[in-house]
Amino acid sequence: MARLKVVAHKKSGSLVKGYAELHVDAGASGIFAGEPFTVPKTLDIQPATEGRVARVPLDSLKALFFVKSFAGDPAYAETKFFNPESKLEGLWVHISFEDGETTEGVVHNSIALINDPGFLMKPPDPQSNNNAVYILKSALSKFRVVGVRSHY
């Protein structure tokens, strides 16, 4: 189990910030090391400050952001698209959420991408506050594979 800093973005637009205990391999090669990843049907998020644990149903979420800091940098303009192409191994995808937000990222090419309610995505900006994002497929309006990068 790993205690991870998360920001849960609900479909309603509200945020829940805190720590979640999840079964992950956050080894030396980075968060989740590109492996398939699942999230429980209900997340228990311990607030960063004092307060009660928030029980957040997975199906109420748009996305679960694994962050470096809860505050982030409001002045930083995050890059949401690769220019000109992803250098990361995996499927380079372009997604649109039901609320109109669009972004790109790299996802692990596995059967879990099809079977699970969501998928883990590595964002394009290494300077972003986000280490990774778990995207809920039910919050998407579009999903398009832009390219593939792998070693053969």
C-alpha atoms as a PDB file:
ATOM      1  CA  MET A   1       0.000   0.000   0.000  1.00  0.00           C
ATOM      2  CA  ALA A   2       1.183   3.465  -0.822  1.00  0.00           C
ATOM      3  CA  ARG A   3      -0.095   6.712   0.692  1.00  0.00           C
ATOM      4  CA  LEU A   4      -0.533   9.005  -2.300  1.00  0.00           C
ATOM      5  CA  LYS A   5      -1.364  12.691  -2.612  1.00  0.00           C
ATOM      6  CA  VAL A   6      -4.568  12.964  -4.663  1.00  0.00           C
ATOM      7  CA  VAL A   7      -7.032  15.525  -5.924  1.00  0.00           C
ATOM      8  CA  ALA A   8     -10.362  13.922  -6.819  1.00  0.00           C
ATOM      9  CA  HIS A   9     -12.256  15.894  -9.481  1.00  0.00           C
ATOM     10  CA  LYS A  10     -15.926  15.033  -9.244  1.00  0.00           C
ATOM     11  CA  LYS A  11     -18.258  15.156 -12.244  1.00  0.00           C
ATOM     12  CA  SER A  12     -20.169  17.836 -10.317  1.00  0.00           C
ATOM     13  CA  GLY A  13     -17.086  20.088 -10.479  1.00  0.00           C
ATOM     14  CA  SER A  14     -16.151  19.875  -6.801  1.00  0.00           C
ATOM     15  CA  LEU A  15     -12.721  18.776  -5.593  1.00  0.00           C
ATOM     16  CA  VAL A  16     -11.598  16.532  -2.743  1.00  0.00           C
ATOM     17  CA  LYS A  17      -7.922  16.895  -1.776  1.00  0.00           C
ATOM     18  CA  GLY A  18      -6.064  14.524   0.489  1.00  0.00           C
ATOM     19  CA  TYR A  19      -4.264  11.212   0.818  1.00  0.00           C
ATOM     20  CA  ALA A  20      -5.449   7.847  -0.482  1.00  0.00           C
ATOM     21  CA  GLU A  21      -4.005   4.445   0.395  1.00  0.00           C
ATOM     22  CA  LEU A  22      -3.769   2.435  -2.834  1.00  0.00           C
ATOM     23  CA  HIS A  23      -2.113  -0.772  -3.992  1.00  0.00           C
ATOM     24  CA  VAL A  24       0.473   0.457  -6.485  1.00  0.00           C
ATOM     25  CA  ASP A  25       4.025  -0.111  -7.595  1.00  0.00           C
ATOM     26  CA  ALA A  26       5.496   3.352  -7.171  1.00  0.00           C
ATOM     27  CA  GLY A  27       9.026   2.067  -7.629  1.00  0.00           C
ATOM     28  CA  ALA A  28      12.220   3.746  -8.704  1.00  0.00           C
ATOM     29  CA  SER A  29      11.085   4.089 -12.326  1.00  0.00           C
ATOM     30  CA  GLY A  30       8.304   6.495 -11.356  1.00  0.00           C
ATOM     31  CA  ILE A  31       4.701   6.496 -10.260  1.00  0.00           C
ATOM     32  CA  PHE A  32       3.055   3.202 -11.192  1.00  0.00           C
ATOM     33  CA  ALA A  33       5.870   2.455 -13.666  1.00  0.00           C
ATOM     34  CA  GLY A  34       3.411   2.333 -16.582  1.00  0.00           C
ATOM     35  CA  GLU A  35       1.714  -0.792 -15.265  1.00  0.00           C
ATOM     36  CA  PRO A  36      -2.029  -1.380 -15.429  1.00  0.00           C
ATOM     37  CA  PHE A  37      -3.684   0.213 -12.431  1.00  0.00           C
ATOM     38  CA  THR A  38      -7.094  -0.126 -10.789  1.00  0.00           C
ATOM     39  CA  VAL A  39      -8.870   2.007  -8.233  1.00  0.00           C
ATOM     40  CA  PRO A  40     -11.385   0.630  -5.678  1.00  0.00           C
ATOM     41  CA  LYS A  41     -15.114   1.356  -6.196  1.00  0.00           C
ATOM     42  CA  THR A  42     -15.018   3.679  -3.181  1.00  0.00           C
ATOM     43  CA  LEU A  43     -12.012   5.805  -2.273  1.00  0.00           C
ATOM     44  CA  ASP A  44     -11.272   6.847   1.285  1.00  0.00           C
ATOM     45  CA  ILE A  45      -9.483  10.199   1.102  1.00  0.00           C
ATOM     46  CA  GLN A  46      -7.862  11.523   4.291  1.00  0.00           C
ATOM     47  CA  PRO A  47      -7.794  15.340   4.203  1.00  0.00           C
ATOM     48  CA  ALA A  48      -4.382  17.047   4.080  1.00  0.00           C
ATOM     49  CA  THR A  49      -5.400  19.012   7.171  1.00  0.00           C
ATOM     50  CA  GLU A  50      -7.531  17.861  10.095  1.00  0.00           C
ATOM     51  CA  GLY A  51     -10.928  16.527   9.226  1.00  0.00           C
ATOM     52  CA  ARG A  52     -13.017  13.489   8.471  1.00  0.00           C
ATOM     53  CA  VAL A  53     -12.150  10.918   5.848  1.00  0.00           C
ATOM     54  CA  ALA A  54     -14.143  11.518   2.658  1.00  0.00           C
ATOM     55  CA  ARG A  55     -15.709   8.395   1.131  1.00  0.00           C
ATOM     56  CA  VAL A  56     -15.801   9.102  -2.603  1.00  0.00           C
ATOM     57  CA  PRO A  57     -17.578   6.688  -4.970  1.00  0.00           C
ATOM     58  CA  LEU A  58     -15.443   6.057  -8.042  1.00  0.00           C
ATOM     59  CA  ASP A  59     -18.413   6.530 -10.390  1.00  0.00           C
ATOM     60  CA  SER A  60     -18.874  10.108  -9.082  1.00  0.00           C
ATOM     61  CA  LEU A  61     -15.443  11.115 -10.404  1.00  0.00           C
ATOM     62  CA  LYS A  62     -14.273  12.712 -13.633  1.00  0.00           C
ATOM     63  CA  ALA A  63     -10.627  12.013 -12.782  1.00  0.00           C
ATOM     64  CA  LEU A  64      -8.274  11.298  -9.909  1.00  0.00           C
ATOM     65  CA  PHE A  65      -5.092  13.376 -10.071  1.00  0.00           C
ATOM     66  CA  PHE A  66      -1.904  12.127  -8.394  1.00  0.00           C
ATOM     67  CA  VAL A  67      -0.210  15.404  -7.504  1.00  0.00           C
ATOM     68  CA  LYS A  68       3.134  16.695  -6.293  1.00  0.00           C
ATOM     69  CA  SER A  69       1.506  19.341  -4.081  1.00  0.00           C
ATOM     70  CA  PHE A  70      -2.032  20.246  -3.074  1.00  0.00           C
ATOM     71  CA  ALA A  71      -1.503  23.945  -3.812  1.00  0.00           C
ATOM     72  CA  GLY A  72       0.145  23.595  -7.220  1.00  0.00           C
ATOM     73  CA  ASP A  73       1.224  26.814  -8.910  1.00  0.00           C
ATOM     74  CA  PRO A  74      -1.781  28.870 -10.039  1.00  0.00           C
ATOM     75  CA  ALA A  75       0.512  31.059 -12.189  1.00  0.00           C
ATOM     76  CA  TYR A  76       1.895  28.071 -14.143  1.00  0.00           C
ATOM     77  CA  ALA A  77       0.351  27.498 -17.591  1.00  0.00           C
ATOM     78  CA  GLU A  78       0.356  23.707 -17.931  1.00  0.00           C
ATOM     79  CA  THR A  79       1.035  22.204 -21.361  1.00  0.00           C
ATOM     80  CA  LYS A  80      -1.845  19.839 -22.166  1.00  0.00           C
ATOM     81  CA  PHE A  81      -0.631  18.627 -25.567  1.00  0.00           C
ATOM     82  CA  PHE A  82       2.548  17.017 -26.893  1.00  0.00           C
ATOM     83  CA  ASN A  83       4.608  19.064 -29.324  1.00  0.00           C
ATOM     84  CA  PRO A  84       5.333  17.527 -31.796  1.00  0.00           C
ATOM     85  CA  GLU A  85       4.888  13.988 -30.418  1.00  0.00           C
ATOM     86  CA  SER A  86       5.114  11.927 -27.266  1.00  0.00           C
ATOM     87  CA  LYS A  87       8.539  10.588 -26.291  1.00  0.00           C
ATOM     88  CA  LEU A  88       6.977   8.223 -23.727  1.00  0.00           C
ATOM     89  CA  GLU A  89       6.325   4.562 -24.463  1.00  0.00           C
ATOM     90  CA  GLY A  90       2.640   3.639 -24.769  1.00  0.00           C
ATOM     91  CA  LEU A  91      -0.470   4.865 -26.564  1.00  0.00           C
ATOM     92  CA  TRP A  92      -0.538   8.609 -27.174  1.00  0.00           C
ATOM     93  CA  VAL A  93      -4.185   9.605 -26.702  1.00  0.00           C
ATOM     94  CA  HIS A  94      -6.290  12.730 -27.062  1.00  0.00           C
ATOM     95  CA  ILE A  95      -9.326  12.849 -24.768  1.00  0.00           C
ATOM     96  CA  SER A  96     -12.308  15.151 -24.311  1.00  0.00           C
ATOM     97  CA  PHE A  97     -14.388  15.211 -21.154  1.00  0.00           C
ATOM     98  CA  GLU A  98     -18.160  15.710 -21.075  1.00  0.00           C
ATOM     99  CA  ASP A  99     -17.561  19.169 -19.536  1.00  0.00           C
ATOM    100  CA  GLY A 100     -15.546  20.280 -22.611  1.00  0.00           C
ATOM    101  CA  GLU A 101     -12.014  19.982 -21.175  1.00  0.00           C
ATOM    102  CA  THR A 102      -9.511  18.367 -23.566  1.00  0.00           C
ATOM    103  CA  THR A 103      -6.017  17.041 -22.994  1.00  0.00           C
ATOM    104  CA  GLU A 104      -3.488  14.489 -24.193  1.00  0.00           C
ATOM    105  CA  GLY A 105      -1.392  11.901 -22.454  1.00  0.00           C
ATOM    106  CA  VAL A 106       0.194   8.487 -22.685  1.00  0.00           C
ATOM    107  CA  VAL A 107      -1.563   5.344 -21.472  1.00  0.00           C
ATOM    108  CA  HIS A 108      -0.361   1.783 -20.965  1.00  0.00           C
ATOM    109  CA  ASN A 109      -1.452  -0.443 -23.863  1.00  0.00           C
ATOM    110  CA  SER A 110      -3.168  -3.355 -22.121  1.00  0.00           C
ATOM    111  CA  ILE A 111      -6.497  -5.168 -21.852  1.00  0.00           C
ATOM    112  CA  ALA A 112      -7.184  -3.132 -18.689  1.00  0.00           C
ATOM    113  CA  LEU A 113      -7.607  -0.070 -20.930  1.00  0.00           C
ATOM    114  CA  ILE A 114     -10.678  -1.794 -22.409  1.00  0.00           C
ATOM    115  CA  ASN A 115     -12.015  -3.683 -19.364  1.00  0.00           C
ATOM    116  CA  ASP A 116     -11.575  -1.285 -16.438  1.00  0.00           C
ATOM    117  CA  PRO A 117     -13.844   1.707 -15.637  1.00  0.00           C
ATOM    118  CA  GLY A 118     -10.868   4.010 -16.058  1.00  0.00           C
ATOM    119  CA  PHE A 119      -7.236   4.186 -17.058  1.00  0.00           C
ATOM    120  CA  LEU A 120      -4.028   5.759 -15.805  1.00  0.00           C
ATOM    121  CA  MET A 121      -2.621   8.507 -18.028  1.00  0.00           C
ATOM    122  CA  LYS A 122       0.778  10.218 -17.916  1.00  0.00           C
ATOM    123  CA  PRO A 123       0.367  13.934 -18.751  1.00  0.00           C
ATOM    124  CA  PRO A 124       2.531  15.626 -21.426  1.00  0.00           C
ATOM    125  CA  ASP A 125       4.061  18.332 -19.191  1.00  0.00           C
ATOM    126  CA  PRO A 126       6.906  17.044 -16.960  1.00  0.00           C
ATOM    127  CA  GLN A 127       6.780  20.352 -15.034  1.00  0.00           C
ATOM    128  CA  SER A 128       3.069  19.899 -14.272  1.00  0.00           C
ATOM    129  CA  ASN A 129       1.856  19.407 -10.719  1.00  0.00           C
ATOM    130  CA  ASN A 130       0.319  16.119 -11.910  1.00  0.00           C
ATOM    131  CA  ASN A 131       2.412  12.941 -11.775  1.00  0.00           C
ATOM    132  CA  ALA A 132      -0.392  10.901 -13.324  1.00  0.00           C
ATOM    133  CA  VAL A 133      -4.171  11.005 -13.769  1.00  0.00           C
ATOM    134  CA  TYR A 134      -6.708   8.196 -13.442  1.00  0.00           C
ATOM    135  CA  ILE A 135      -9.394   9.042 -16.019  1.00  0.00           C
ATOM    136  CA  LEU A 136     -12.924   7.669 -15.613  1.00  0.00           C
ATOM    137  CA  LYS A 137     -14.255   6.570 -19.005  1.00  0.00           C
ATOM    138  CA  SER A 138     -17.809   7.511 -17.992  1.00  0.00           C
ATOM    139  CA  ALA A 139     -16.700  11.189 -17.875  1.00  0.00           C
ATOM    140  CA  LEU A 140     -15.372  11.173 -21.463  1.00  0.00           C
ATOM    141  CA  SER A 141     -17.102  12.344 -24.618  1.00  0.00           C
ATOM    142  CA  LYS A 142     -14.175  11.460 -26.953  1.00  0.00           C
ATOM    143  CA  PHE A 143     -11.153   9.159 -26.891  1.00  0.00           C
ATOM    144  CA  ARG A 144      -8.760   9.072 -29.838  1.00  0.00           C
ATOM    145  CA  VAL A 145      -5.432   7.270 -30.253  1.00  0.00           C
ATOM    146  CA  VAL A 146      -2.994   9.718 -31.872  1.00  0.00           C
ATOM    147  CA  GLY A 147       0.075   7.483 -32.014  1.00  0.00           C
ATOM    148  CA  VAL A 148       1.966   4.550 -30.584  1.00  0.00           C
ATOM    149  CA  ARG A 149       5.507   4.420 -29.237  1.00  0.00           C
ATOM    150  CA  SER A 150       7.013   1.086 -28.247  1.00  0.00           C
ATOM    151  CA  HIS A 151      10.206  -0.880 -28.437  1.00  0.00           C
ATOM    152  CA  TYR A 152      10.283  -3.934 -30.685  1.00  0.00           C
END
